[in-house]
C-alpha atoms as a PDB file:
ATOM      1  CA  MET A   1      -2.884   0.897 -10.404  1.00  0.00           C
ATOM      2  CA  VAL A   2      -5.004  -0.272 -13.326  1.00  0.00           C
ATOM      3  CA  PRO A   3      -7.873   0.055 -12.788  1.00  0.00           C
ATOM      4  CA  GLY A   4      -7.130   2.635 -10.109  1.00  0.00           C
ATOM      5  CA  SER A   5      -8.488   2.250  -6.584  1.00  0.00           C
ATOM      6  CA  ARG A   6     -10.375   4.973  -4.739  1.00  0.00           C
ATOM      7  CA  THR A   7      -7.378   5.905  -2.610  1.00  0.00           C
ATOM      8  CA  PHE A   8      -4.988   5.914  -5.586  1.00  0.00           C
ATOM      9  CA  PHE A   9      -7.170   8.119  -7.781  1.00  0.00           C
ATOM     10  CA  CYS A  10      -7.994  10.469  -4.900  1.00  0.00           C
ATOM     11  CA  TRP A  11      -4.266  10.784  -4.189  1.00  0.00           C
ATOM     12  CA  GLN A  12      -3.706  11.733  -7.820  1.00  0.00           C
ATOM     13  CA  ASP A  13      -6.686  14.071  -7.740  1.00  0.00           C
ATOM     14  CA  GLY A  14      -5.576  16.032  -4.704  1.00  0.00           C
ATOM     15  CA  LEU A  15      -1.783  16.075  -4.817  1.00  0.00           C
ATOM     16  CA  SER A  16      -0.460  19.568  -5.497  1.00  0.00           C
ATOM     17  CA  PRO A  17       2.988  20.492  -6.864  1.00  0.00           C
ATOM     18  CA  GLN A  18       3.893  21.566  -3.315  1.00  0.00           C
ATOM     19  CA  GLY A  19       3.205  18.061  -1.970  1.00  0.00           C
ATOM     20  CA  ASN A  20       0.084  18.802   0.082  1.00  0.00           C
ATOM     21  CA  ILE A  21      -3.209  17.063  -0.673  1.00  0.00           C
ATOM     22  CA  VAL A  22      -6.332  19.117  -1.425  1.00  0.00           C
ATOM     23  CA  PRO A  23      -8.807  16.952  -3.379  1.00  0.00           C
ATOM     24  CA  ILE A  24     -10.858  18.498  -6.167  1.00  0.00           C
ATOM     25  CA  ASN A  25     -13.186  15.547  -6.760  1.00  0.00           C
ATOM     26  CA  PRO A  26     -16.254  15.818  -4.447  1.00  0.00           C
ATOM     27  CA  ALA A  27     -16.130  12.146  -3.413  1.00  0.00           C
ATOM     28  CA  CYS A  28     -12.424  12.407  -2.607  1.00  0.00           C
ATOM     29  CA  SER A  29     -13.045  15.602  -0.631  1.00  0.00           C
ATOM     30  CA  SER A  30     -15.711  13.827   1.424  1.00  0.00           C
ATOM     31  CA  ALA A  31     -13.372  10.898   2.070  1.00  0.00           C
ATOM     32  CA  VAL A  32     -10.546  13.162   3.255  1.00  0.00           C
ATOM     33  CA  ALA A  33     -12.958  15.157   5.424  1.00  0.00           C
ATOM     34  CA  GLN A  34     -13.770  11.909   7.231  1.00  0.00           C
ATOM     35  CA  SER A  35     -10.418  10.080   7.173  1.00  0.00           C
ATOM     36  CA  GLY A  36      -7.873  12.906   6.928  1.00  0.00           C
ATOM     37  CA  ALA A  37      -5.140  13.557   4.364  1.00  0.00           C
ATOM     38  CA  ASN A  38      -2.900  10.846   5.851  1.00  0.00           C
ATOM     39  CA  SER A  39      -5.225   8.309   4.241  1.00  0.00           C
ATOM     40  CA  LEU A  40      -3.961   9.509   0.853  1.00  0.00           C
ATOM     41  CA  TYR A  41      -0.299   9.868   1.745  1.00  0.00           C
ATOM     42  CA  ASN A  42      -0.751   6.199   2.734  1.00  0.00           C
ATOM     43  CA  TRP A  43      -3.017   5.356  -0.223  1.00  0.00           C
ATOM     44  CA  PHE A  44      -1.261   1.984  -0.637  1.00  0.00           C
ATOM     45  CA  SER A  45      -1.970   0.864   2.954  1.00  0.00           C
ATOM     46  CA  VAL A  46      -5.637  -0.175   2.867  1.00  0.00           C
ATOM     47  CA  LEU A  47      -4.888  -3.370   4.733  1.00  0.00           C
ATOM     48  CA  ARG A  48      -5.526  -5.567   7.722  1.00  0.00           C
ATOM     49  CA  SER A  49      -2.478  -7.095   9.381  1.00  0.00           C
ATOM     50  CA  ASP A  50      -4.715  -9.901  10.702  1.00  0.00           C
ATOM     51  CA  GLY A  51      -6.623 -10.440   7.447  1.00  0.00           C
ATOM     52  CA  ALA A  52      -5.162 -13.829   6.456  1.00  0.00           C
ATOM     53  CA  GLY A  53      -7.118 -13.594   3.191  1.00  0.00           C
ATOM     54  CA  ARG A  54     -10.485 -13.519   4.972  1.00  0.00           C
ATOM     55  CA  THR A  55     -13.437 -11.824   3.296  1.00  0.00           C
ATOM     56  CA  ARG A  56     -17.147 -12.380   4.061  1.00  0.00           C
ATOM     57  CA  GLY A  57     -17.732 -12.648   7.801  1.00  0.00           C
ATOM     58  CA  PHE A  58     -14.469 -10.847   8.571  1.00  0.00           C
ATOM     59  CA  ILE A  59     -14.843  -7.498   6.791  1.00  0.00           C
ATOM     60  CA  PRO A  60     -18.264  -6.087   7.807  1.00  0.00           C
ATOM     61  CA  ASP A  61     -20.840  -5.103   5.208  1.00  0.00           C
ATOM     62  CA  GLY A  62     -20.514  -1.432   4.342  1.00  0.00           C
ATOM     63  CA  GLN A  63     -16.780  -1.459   5.126  1.00  0.00           C
ATOM     64  CA  LEU A  64     -15.408  -3.402   2.158  1.00  0.00           C
ATOM     65  CA  CYS A  65     -13.640  -0.457   0.516  1.00  0.00           C
ATOM     66  CA  SER A  66     -11.733   0.336   3.725  1.00  0.00           C
ATOM     67  CA  GLY A  67     -11.087  -3.320   4.520  1.00  0.00           C
ATOM     68  CA  GLY A  68     -12.628  -2.588   7.912  1.00  0.00           C
ATOM     69  CA  ASN A  69      -9.644  -0.328   8.634  1.00  0.00           C
ATOM     70  CA  PRO A  70     -10.967   2.788  10.447  1.00  0.00           C
ATOM     71  CA  ASN A  71      -8.146   4.911   8.999  1.00  0.00           C
ATOM     72  CA  PHE A  72      -9.824   4.595   5.568  1.00  0.00           C
ATOM     73  CA  SER A  73     -13.526   4.661   6.498  1.00  0.00           C
ATOM     74  CA  GLY A  74     -14.134   7.683   4.240  1.00  0.00           C
ATOM     75  CA  TYR A  75     -13.622   5.469   1.189  1.00  0.00           C
ATOM     76  CA  ASP A  76     -16.648   3.365   2.135  1.00  0.00           C
ATOM     77  CA  LEU A  77     -18.945   6.319   1.443  1.00  0.00           C
ATOM     78  CA  ALA A  78     -21.551   5.929  -1.298  1.00  0.00           C
ATOM     79  CA  HIS A  79     -20.959   8.784  -3.734  1.00  0.00           C
ATOM     80  CA  ALA A  80     -21.801   9.386  -7.387  1.00  0.00           C
ATOM     81  CA  ASP A  81     -18.513  11.161  -8.106  1.00  0.00           C
ATOM     82  CA  TRP A  82     -15.803   8.598  -7.343  1.00  0.00           C
ATOM     83  CA  PRO A  83     -13.125   8.657 -10.085  1.00  0.00           C
ATOM     84  CA  ARG A  84     -13.618   5.755 -12.442  1.00  0.00           C
ATOM     85  CA  THR A  85     -12.005   3.745 -15.221  1.00  0.00           C
ATOM     86  CA  HIS A  86     -13.935   3.142 -18.455  1.00  0.00           C
ATOM     87  CA  LEU A  87     -13.741  -0.455 -19.711  1.00  0.00           C
ATOM     88  CA  THR A  88     -15.277  -2.912 -22.176  1.00  0.00           C
ATOM     89  CA  SER A  89     -17.085  -5.945 -20.783  1.00  0.00           C
ATOM     90  CA  GLY A  90     -15.464  -9.212 -21.888  1.00  0.00           C
ATOM     91  CA  ALA A  91     -12.241  -7.528 -23.032  1.00  0.00           C
ATOM     92  CA  GLN A  92      -8.786  -8.605 -21.920  1.00  0.00           C
ATOM     93  CA  ILE A  93      -6.761  -5.997 -20.042  1.00  0.00           C
ATOM     94  CA  GLN A  94      -3.536  -5.878 -18.093  1.00  0.00           C
ATOM     95  CA  PHE A  95      -4.189  -5.387 -14.396  1.00  0.00           C
ATOM     96  CA  ARG A  96      -1.510  -3.538 -12.440  1.00  0.00           C
ATOM     97  CA  TYR A  97      -1.168  -3.334  -8.687  1.00  0.00           C
ATOM     98  CA  ASN A  98       1.406  -1.016  -7.123  1.00  0.00           C
ATOM     99  CA  LYS A  99       4.433  -2.710  -5.541  1.00  0.00           C
ATOM    100  CA  TRP A 100       5.151  -0.080  -2.919  1.00  0.00           C
ATOM    101  CA  ALA A 101       6.416  -3.047  -0.926  1.00  0.00           C
ATOM    102  CA  ALA A 102       7.343  -6.449  -2.357  1.00  0.00           C
ATOM    103  CA  HIS A 103       4.814  -8.939  -1.000  1.00  0.00           C
ATOM    104  CA  PRO A 104       4.415 -12.329  -2.697  1.00  0.00           C
ATOM    105  CA  GLY A 105       0.871 -13.617  -2.782  1.00  0.00           C
ATOM    106  CA  TRP A 106      -2.451 -14.004  -4.551  1.00  0.00           C
ATOM    107  CA  PHE A 107      -4.802 -11.384  -6.002  1.00  0.00           C
ATOM    108  CA  TYR A 108      -8.535 -12.143  -6.094  1.00  0.00           C
ATOM    109  CA  LEU A 109     -10.774  -9.953  -8.284  1.00  0.00           C
ATOM    110  CA  TYR A 110     -14.534  -9.681  -7.737  1.00  0.00           C
ATOM    111  CA  VAL A 111     -17.146  -7.579  -9.532  1.00  0.00           C
ATOM    112  CA  THR A 112     -20.525  -6.244  -8.449  1.00  0.00           C
ATOM    113  CA  LYS A 113     -23.713  -7.993  -9.522  1.00  0.00           C
ATOM    114  CA  ASP A 114     -26.009  -6.562 -12.149  1.00  0.00           C
ATOM    115  CA  GLY A 115     -28.514  -4.278 -10.471  1.00  0.00           C
ATOM    116  CA  TRP A 116     -26.395  -3.518  -7.398  1.00  0.00           C
ATOM    117  CA  ASN A 117     -27.187  -0.231  -5.666  1.00  0.00           C
ATOM    118  CA  PRO A 118     -24.327   2.317  -5.908  1.00  0.00           C
ATOM    119  CA  ASP A 119     -26.222   4.675  -3.591  1.00  0.00           C
ATOM    120  CA  ARG A 120     -25.278   2.683  -0.503  1.00  0.00           C
ATOM    121  CA  PRO A 121     -21.933   1.406   0.866  1.00  0.00           C
ATOM    122  CA  LEU A 122     -20.763  -1.847  -0.720  1.00  0.00           C
ATOM    123  CA  THR A 123     -21.844  -5.140   0.889  1.00  0.00           C
ATOM    124  CA  TRP A 124     -20.798  -8.729   0.264  1.00  0.00           C
ATOM    125  CA  ASP A 125     -24.185  -9.516  -1.262  1.00  0.00           C
ATOM    126  CA  ASP A 126     -23.499  -6.799  -3.859  1.00  0.00           C
ATOM    127  CA  LEU A 127     -20.577  -8.850  -5.242  1.00  0.00           C
ATOM    128  CA  GLU A 128     -20.657 -11.918  -7.445  1.00  0.00           C
ATOM    129  CA  GLU A 129     -20.011 -14.883  -5.161  1.00  0.00           C
ATOM    130  CA  GLN A 130     -16.794 -16.047  -6.837  1.00  0.00           C
ATOM    131  CA  PRO A 131     -13.817 -14.028  -8.127  1.00  0.00           C
ATOM    132  CA  PHE A 132     -13.819 -13.572 -11.886  1.00  0.00           C
ATOM    133  CA  HIS A 133     -10.024 -13.894 -11.830  1.00  0.00           C
ATOM    134  CA  THR A 134      -7.246 -15.046  -9.492  1.00  0.00           C
ATOM    135  CA  ALA A 135      -3.594 -14.098 -10.044  1.00  0.00           C
ATOM    136  CA  ASP A 136      -1.165 -16.497  -8.354  1.00  0.00           C
ATOM    137  CA  HIS A 137       2.109 -14.753  -7.419  1.00  0.00           C
ATOM    138  CA  PRO A 138       2.226 -12.580 -10.569  1.00  0.00           C
ATOM    139  CA  GLN A 139       5.415 -11.105 -11.970  1.00  0.00           C
ATOM    140  CA  SER A 140       6.442  -7.536 -11.267  1.00  0.00           C
ATOM    141  CA  VAL A 141       8.647  -4.707 -12.496  1.00  0.00           C
ATOM    142  CA  GLY A 142      10.320  -1.755 -10.797  1.00  0.00           C
ATOM    143  CA  SER A 143      11.888  -1.128  -7.409  1.00  0.00           C
ATOM    144  CA  PRO A 144       9.684  -1.256  -4.284  1.00  0.00           C
ATOM    145  CA  GLY A 145       8.855   2.124  -2.794  1.00  0.00           C
ATOM    146  CA  THR A 146       8.402   3.858  -6.156  1.00  0.00           C
ATOM    147  CA  ASN A 147       5.252   4.971  -7.967  1.00  0.00           C
ATOM    148  CA  ASP A 148       6.036   2.981 -11.117  1.00  0.00           C
ATOM    149  CA  ALA A 149       6.785  -0.397  -9.494  1.00  0.00           C
ATOM    150  CA  HIS A 150       3.896  -2.826  -9.930  1.00  0.00           C
ATOM    151  CA  TYR A 151       2.690  -6.394 -10.197  1.00  0.00           C
ATOM    152  CA  TYR A 152       0.954  -7.164 -13.477  1.00  0.00           C
ATOM    153  CA  TRP A 153      -1.054  -9.867 -15.201  1.00  0.00           C
ATOM    154  CA  ASN A 154      -3.557 -10.209 -18.037  1.00  0.00           C
ATOM    155  CA  ALA A 155      -7.177 -11.071 -17.303  1.00  0.00           C
ATOM    156  CA  THR A 156     -10.491 -11.155 -19.140  1.00  0.00           C
ATOM    157  CA  LEU A 157     -13.115  -8.792 -17.759  1.00  0.00           C
ATOM    158  CA  PRO A 158     -16.553 -10.223 -16.901  1.00  0.00           C
ATOM    159  CA  SER A 159     -18.882 -10.460 -19.886  1.00  0.00           C
ATOM    160  CA  GLY A 160     -22.410  -9.115 -20.048  1.00  0.00           C
ATOM    161  CA  LYS A 161     -21.717  -6.131 -17.799  1.00  0.00           C
ATOM    162  CA  SER A 162     -22.804  -2.577 -18.536  1.00  0.00           C
ATOM    163  CA  GLY A 163     -22.849   0.704 -16.688  1.00  0.00           C
ATOM    164  CA  ARG A 164     -21.315   1.503 -13.329  1.00  0.00           C
ATOM    165  CA  HIS A 165     -19.699  -1.276 -11.264  1.00  0.00           C
ATOM    166  CA  ILE A 166     -16.969  -1.875  -8.676  1.00  0.00           C
ATOM    167  CA  ILE A 167     -14.053  -4.257  -9.138  1.00  0.00           C
ATOM    168  CA  TYR A 168     -13.110  -5.394  -5.651  1.00  0.00           C
ATOM    169  CA  SER A 169      -9.599  -6.736  -5.082  1.00  0.00           C
ATOM    170  CA  VAL A 170      -8.203  -8.824  -2.238  1.00  0.00           C
ATOM    171  CA  TRP A 171      -4.410  -9.214  -2.084  1.00  0.00           C
ATOM    172  CA  LYS A 172      -3.464 -12.060   0.245  1.00  0.00           C
ATOM    173  CA  ARG A 173       0.223 -12.230   1.155  1.00  0.00           C
ATOM    174  CA  SER A 174       1.809 -15.684   1.219  1.00  0.00           C
ATOM    175  CA  ASP A 175       4.541 -14.628   3.664  1.00  0.00           C
ATOM    176  CA  SER A 176       2.298 -13.188   6.405  1.00  0.00           C
ATOM    177  CA  ALA A 177      -1.348 -12.742   7.425  1.00  0.00           C
ATOM    178  CA  GLU A 178      -1.420  -9.182   6.062  1.00  0.00           C
ATOM    179  CA  THR A 179      -4.153  -8.687   3.446  1.00  0.00           C
ATOM    180  CA  PHE A 180      -4.971  -5.649   1.280  1.00  0.00           C
ATOM    181  CA  TYR A 181      -8.515  -4.669   0.220  1.00  0.00           C
ATOM    182  CA  ASN A 182      -9.469  -2.132  -2.471  1.00  0.00           C
ATOM    183  CA  CYS A 183     -12.427  -0.796  -4.454  1.00  0.00           C
ATOM    184  CA  SER A 184     -11.929   0.299  -8.059  1.00  0.00           C
ATOM    185  CA  ASP A 185     -14.889   2.146  -9.575  1.00  0.00           C
ATOM    186  CA  VAL A 186     -15.397   1.275 -13.250  1.00  0.00           C
ATOM    187  CA  VAL A 187     -17.902   1.896 -16.032  1.00  0.00           C
ATOM    188  CA  PHE A 188     -18.491  -0.780 -18.673  1.00  0.00           C
ATOM    189  CA  ASP A 189     -19.255   1.490 -21.607  1.00  0.00           C
ATOM    190  CA  GLY A 190     -16.909   0.301 -24.353  1.00  0.00           C
ATOM    191  CA  GLY A 191     -13.974   2.206 -22.907  1.00  0.00           C
ATOM    192  CA  ASN A 192     -10.310   1.323 -23.203  1.00  0.00           C
ATOM    193  CA  GLY A 193      -8.979   2.335 -19.798  1.00  0.00           C
ATOM    194  CA  GLU A 194      -9.823   6.048 -19.910  1.00  0.00           C
ATOM    195  CA  VAL A 195     -10.047   7.705 -16.471  1.00  0.00           C
ATOM    196  CA  THR A 196     -12.557  10.392 -15.494  1.00  0.00           C
ATOM    197  CA  GLY A 197     -13.056  12.250 -12.235  1.00  0.00           C
ATOM    198  CA  VAL A 198      -9.408  12.958 -11.453  1.00  0.00           C
ATOM    199  CA  GLY A 199      -8.861  16.695 -11.143  1.00  0.00           C
ATOM    200  CA  ARG A 200      -5.182  16.677 -12.009  1.00  0.00           C
ATOM    201  CA  PRO A 201      -4.797  14.233 -14.918  1.00  0.00           C
ATOM    202  CA  GLY A 202      -1.436  13.394 -16.379  1.00  0.00           C
ATOM    203  CA  PRO A 203       1.653  11.520 -15.181  1.00  0.00           C
ATOM    204  CA  THR A 204       1.534  10.132 -11.674  1.00  0.00           C
ATOM    205  CA  PRO A 205       2.878  12.921  -9.449  1.00  0.00           C
ATOM    206  CA  THR A 206       5.755  12.447  -7.071  1.00  0.00           C
ATOM    207  CA  VAL A 207       5.425  13.695  -3.504  1.00  0.00           C
ATOM    208  CA  THR A 208       7.860  16.510  -2.748  1.00  0.00           C
ATOM    209  CA  PRO A 209       9.521  15.932   0.642  1.00  0.00           C
ATOM    210  CA  THR A 210       9.022  18.744   3.134  1.00  0.00           C
ATOM    211  CA  VAL A 211      11.910  17.662   5.340  1.00  0.00           C
ATOM    212  CA  THR A 212      15.433  17.207   4.019  1.00  0.00           C
ATOM    213  CA  PRO A 213      16.216  13.478   4.165  1.00  0.00           C
ATOM    214  CA  THR A 214      18.926  12.564   6.639  1.00  0.00           C
ATOM    215  CA  VAL A 215      21.012   9.441   6.918  1.00  0.00           C
ATOM    216  CA  THR A 216      22.099   8.628  10.452  1.00  0.00           C
ATOM    217  CA  PRO A 217      24.672   5.833  10.832  1.00  0.00           C
ATOM    218  CA  THR A 218      23.982   4.093  14.093  1.00  0.00           C
ATOM    219  CA  VAL A 219      26.642   1.400  14.356  1.00  0.00           C
ATOM    220  CA  THR A 220      30.272   1.705  13.345  1.00  0.00           C
ATOM    221  CA  PRO A 221      31.156  -1.163  10.987  1.00  0.00           C
ATOM    222  CA  THR A 222      33.563  -3.542  12.642  1.00  0.00           C
ATOM    223  CA  GLY A 223      34.325  -5.823   9.722  1.00  0.00           C
ATOM    224  CA  GLU A 224      33.913  -8.795  12.041  1.00  0.00           C
ATOM    225  CA  PRO A 225      31.958 -11.875  10.948  1.00  0.00           C
ATOM    226  CA  GLY A 226      28.345 -11.759  12.154  1.00  0.00           C
ATOM    227  CA  ALA A 227      28.250  -7.984  12.696  1.00  0.00           C
ATOM    228  CA  CYS A 228      25.554  -5.830  11.105  1.00  0.00           C
ATOM    229  CA  THR A 229      24.867  -2.111  10.895  1.00  0.00           C
ATOM    230  CA  ALA A 230      21.688  -0.102  10.351  1.00  0.00           C
ATOM    231  CA  THR A 231      21.308   3.337   8.786  1.00  0.00           C
ATOM    232  CA  TYR A 232      18.126   5.392   8.678  1.00  0.00           C
ATOM    233  CA  ARG A 233      16.840   7.992   6.265  1.00  0.00           C
ATOM    234  CA  THR A 234      13.620   9.954   5.892  1.00  0.00           C
ATOM    235  CA  VAL A 235      12.227   9.288   2.416  1.00  0.00           C
ATOM    236  CA  ASN A 236       9.271  11.642   2.626  1.00  0.00           C
ATOM    237  CA  SER A 237       7.312  13.624   5.205  1.00  0.00           C
ATOM    238  CA  TRP A 238       4.022  15.469   5.414  1.00  0.00           C
ATOM    239  CA  SER A 239       1.853  17.093   8.033  1.00  0.00           C
ATOM    240  CA  GLY A 240       1.265  14.403  10.647  1.00  0.00           C
ATOM    241  CA  GLY A 241       3.301  11.589   9.113  1.00  0.00           C
ATOM    242  CA  PHE A 242       6.383  10.363   7.297  1.00  0.00           C
ATOM    243  CA  GLN A 243       7.986   7.506   5.363  1.00  0.00           C
ATOM    244  CA  ALA A 244      11.420   6.147   6.292  1.00  0.00           C
ATOM    245  CA  GLU A 245      13.852   3.537   5.007  1.00  0.00           C
ATOM    246  CA  VAL A 246      16.404   1.511   6.969  1.00  0.00           C
ATOM    247  CA  THR A 247      19.409  -0.106   5.284  1.00  0.00           C
ATOM    248  CA  VAL A 248      20.783  -3.183   7.031  1.00  0.00           C
ATOM    249  CA  SER A 249      24.386  -3.879   6.014  1.00  0.00           C
ATOM    250  CA  ASN A 250      26.859  -6.667   6.619  1.00  0.00           C
ATOM    251  CA  PRO A 251      30.380  -5.161   6.654  1.00  0.00           C
ATOM    252  CA  GLY A 252      31.960  -8.456   7.661  1.00  0.00           C
ATOM    253  CA  SER A 253      33.923 -11.015   5.681  1.00  0.00           C
ATOM    254  CA  SER A 254      31.275 -13.748   5.922  1.00  0.00           C
ATOM    255  CA  GLY A 255      27.521 -13.867   5.482  1.00  0.00           C
ATOM    256  CA  ILE A 256      24.954 -13.415   8.238  1.00  0.00           C
ATOM    257  CA  ASN A 257      21.720 -15.355   8.622  1.00  0.00           C
ATOM    258  CA  GLY A 258      19.033 -13.245  10.262  1.00  0.00           C
ATOM    259  CA  TRP A 259      19.039  -9.693  11.631  1.00  0.00           C
ATOM    260  CA  THR A 260      17.191  -7.546  14.163  1.00  0.00           C
ATOM    261  CA  VAL A 261      17.032  -3.744  14.256  1.00  0.00           C
ATOM    262  CA  LYS A 262      15.725  -1.770  17.244  1.00  0.00           C
ATOM    263  CA  TRP A 263      15.011   1.909  17.796  1.00  0.00           C
ATOM    264  CA  ALA A 264      12.796   4.183  19.895  1.00  0.00           C
ATOM    265  CA  LEU A 265       9.861   6.070  18.389  1.00  0.00           C
ATOM    266  CA  ASP A 266       9.458   9.737  19.218  1.00  0.00           C
ATOM    267  CA  SER A 267       6.662  10.514  21.649  1.00  0.00           C
ATOM    268  CA  GLY A 268       3.301  10.476  19.883  1.00  0.00           C
ATOM    269  CA  SER A 269       4.577   8.527  16.865  1.00  0.00           C
ATOM    270  CA  SER A 270       3.180   5.177  15.720  1.00  0.00           C
ATOM    271  CA  ILE A 271       3.931   2.881  12.780  1.00  0.00           C
ATOM    272  CA  ASN A 272       1.186   2.409  10.177  1.00  0.00           C
ATOM    273  CA  SER A 273       2.804  -0.163   7.902  1.00  0.00           C
ATOM    274  CA  LEU A 274       6.215  -1.828   7.559  1.00  0.00           C
ATOM    275  CA  TRP A 275       7.417  -3.789   4.524  1.00  0.00           C
ATOM    276  CA  ASN A 276      10.324  -6.125   3.706  1.00  0.00           C
ATOM    277  CA  GLY A 277      10.336  -7.307   7.313  1.00  0.00           C
ATOM    278  CA  THR A 278       8.205  -7.885  10.405  1.00  0.00           C
ATOM    279  CA  HIS A 279       7.920  -5.695  13.464  1.00  0.00           C
ATOM    280  CA  THR A 280       6.639  -5.499  17.017  1.00  0.00           C
ATOM    281  CA  VAL A 281       6.267  -2.501  19.312  1.00  0.00           C
ATOM    282  CA  SER A 282       6.735  -2.548  23.084  1.00  0.00           C
ATOM    283  CA  GLY A 283       6.205   0.846  24.661  1.00  0.00           C
ATOM    284  CA  SER A 284       8.226   3.185  22.467  1.00  0.00           C
ATOM    285  CA  THR A 285      10.676   0.497  21.288  1.00  0.00           C
ATOM    286  CA  VAL A 286      10.292  -0.881  17.766  1.00  0.00           C
ATOM    287  CA  THR A 287      11.857  -4.244  16.940  1.00  0.00           C
ATOM    288  CA  ALA A 288      12.123  -5.034  13.220  1.00  0.00           C
ATOM    289  CA  LYS A 289      13.244  -8.456  12.016  1.00  0.00           C
ATOM    290  CA  ASN A 290      14.027  -9.901   8.619  1.00  0.00           C
ATOM    291  CA  ALA A 291      11.471 -11.547   6.366  1.00  0.00           C
ATOM    292  CA  ASP A 292      12.186 -15.123   5.273  1.00  0.00           C
ATOM    293  CA  TRP A 293      13.436 -14.040   1.870  1.00  0.00           C
ATOM    294  CA  ASN A 294      15.942 -11.380   3.065  1.00  0.00           C
ATOM    295  CA  ARG A 295      17.271 -12.996   6.231  1.00  0.00           C
ATOM    296  CA  SER A 296      20.636 -13.851   4.617  1.00  0.00           C
ATOM    297  CA  ILE A 297      23.003 -10.983   3.785  1.00  0.00           C
ATOM    298  CA  PRO A 298      26.286 -11.868   2.068  1.00  0.00           C
ATOM    299  CA  ALA A 299      29.627 -10.392   3.094  1.00  0.00           C
ATOM    300  CA  ARG A 300      29.631  -6.638   2.404  1.00  0.00           C
ATOM    301  CA  GLY A 301      26.037  -6.869   1.197  1.00  0.00           C
ATOM    302  CA  SER A 302      22.891  -5.079   2.353  1.00  0.00           C
ATOM    303  CA  THR A 303      19.101  -5.125   2.316  1.00  0.00           C
ATOM    304  CA  THR A 304      16.447  -2.532   3.148  1.00  0.00           C
ATOM    305  CA  PHE A 305      13.078  -2.284   4.829  1.00  0.00           C
ATOM    306  CA  GLY A 306      10.725   0.668   4.983  1.00  0.00           C
ATOM    307  CA  PHE A 307       7.743   1.940   6.903  1.00  0.00           C
ATOM    308  CA  THR A 308       5.210   4.738   7.170  1.00  0.00           C
ATOM    309  CA  ALA A 309       4.287   6.275  10.507  1.00  0.00           C
ATOM    310  CA  ASN A 310       2.263   8.978  12.170  1.00  0.00           C
ATOM    311  CA  GLY A 311       4.173  11.741  13.948  1.00  0.00           C
ATOM    312  CA  THR A 312       7.583  13.201  13.129  1.00  0.00           C
ATOM    313  CA  SER A 313      10.612  11.324  11.840  1.00  0.00           C
ATOM    314  CA  GLY A 314      13.486  12.700  13.902  1.00  0.00           C
ATOM    315  CA  SER A 315      16.914  11.019  13.904  1.00  0.00           C
ATOM    316  CA  PRO A 316      16.575   7.833  15.954  1.00  0.00           C
ATOM    317  CA  THR A 317      19.511   5.786  17.177  1.00  0.00           C
ATOM    318  CA  LEU A 318      19.350   2.253  15.782  1.00  0.00           C
ATOM    319  CA  THR A 319      21.004  -0.955  16.924  1.00  0.00           C
ATOM    320  CA  CYS A 320      21.511  -3.979  14.699  1.00  0.00           C
ATOM    321  CA  THR A 321      22.215  -7.513  15.877  1.00  0.00           C
ATOM    322  CA  SER A 322      22.578 -10.815  14.077  1.00  0.00           C
ATOM    323  CA  PRO A 323      22.367 -14.321  15.559  1.00  0.00           C
END
């Protein structure tokens, strides 16, 4: 992300070569002490599934940086040591927002008012009333689910700003009510994107999986029109959580229009976020359905969806059906 959010920079700050997260930055350490390390393994999931683009009156004062999501409450803390990006007021920069999942939508960028108080959690009255920039369905590069994939656009930074500020972003999806909220700490001091406060500077690290990924075919391809199959693999795992990917394939000789995948979660597991599809949970049964844009799969084609969850991954048995 450019400029980086609190969760993104704290993830960079704490991620060790072994894949565990032990923040060095004092603000990041305080956030993890309150919200746990899972908040950084899921740094890209500061969201509300019922957000629908709502801001003032929906997200309470003092909870803007977590989006009112209790899993990220540690990032609402007022702290002098949050990692920050150094910028020049009035300059044009390229904003980048990670595309861990491909979600079309709008990005709204706000900035704090002159004289705001950084010694207390952020409130709506601390922000300028209107966004200084709106990006309407910006272009992107890279494959979803990777560190380098991102949306990007050029924007002019607010003029007349100096010293410490927060750029507050709201990402409203156009294909669902899900909305992402993030705080990026910046300093307007004539900088050109330099970052300070990250204990392990350098290239964005890649999480080292602690469990060998497995691919478990769950339906034997029949080759018949309308049939679909689903295969599951663990992409990454950590203490208390994991990321998985499901590939939905059409082995038949004609296209399918719509698909549904079901599986049972292990006891004690729960889904945090699912992308490239929609999902519901009833008891331990998860039902994932296509998004509008990937409902059609051509003959011998495939699509994927992914999710992060608490608990352990296991090797679930999946079923796939198509109307």
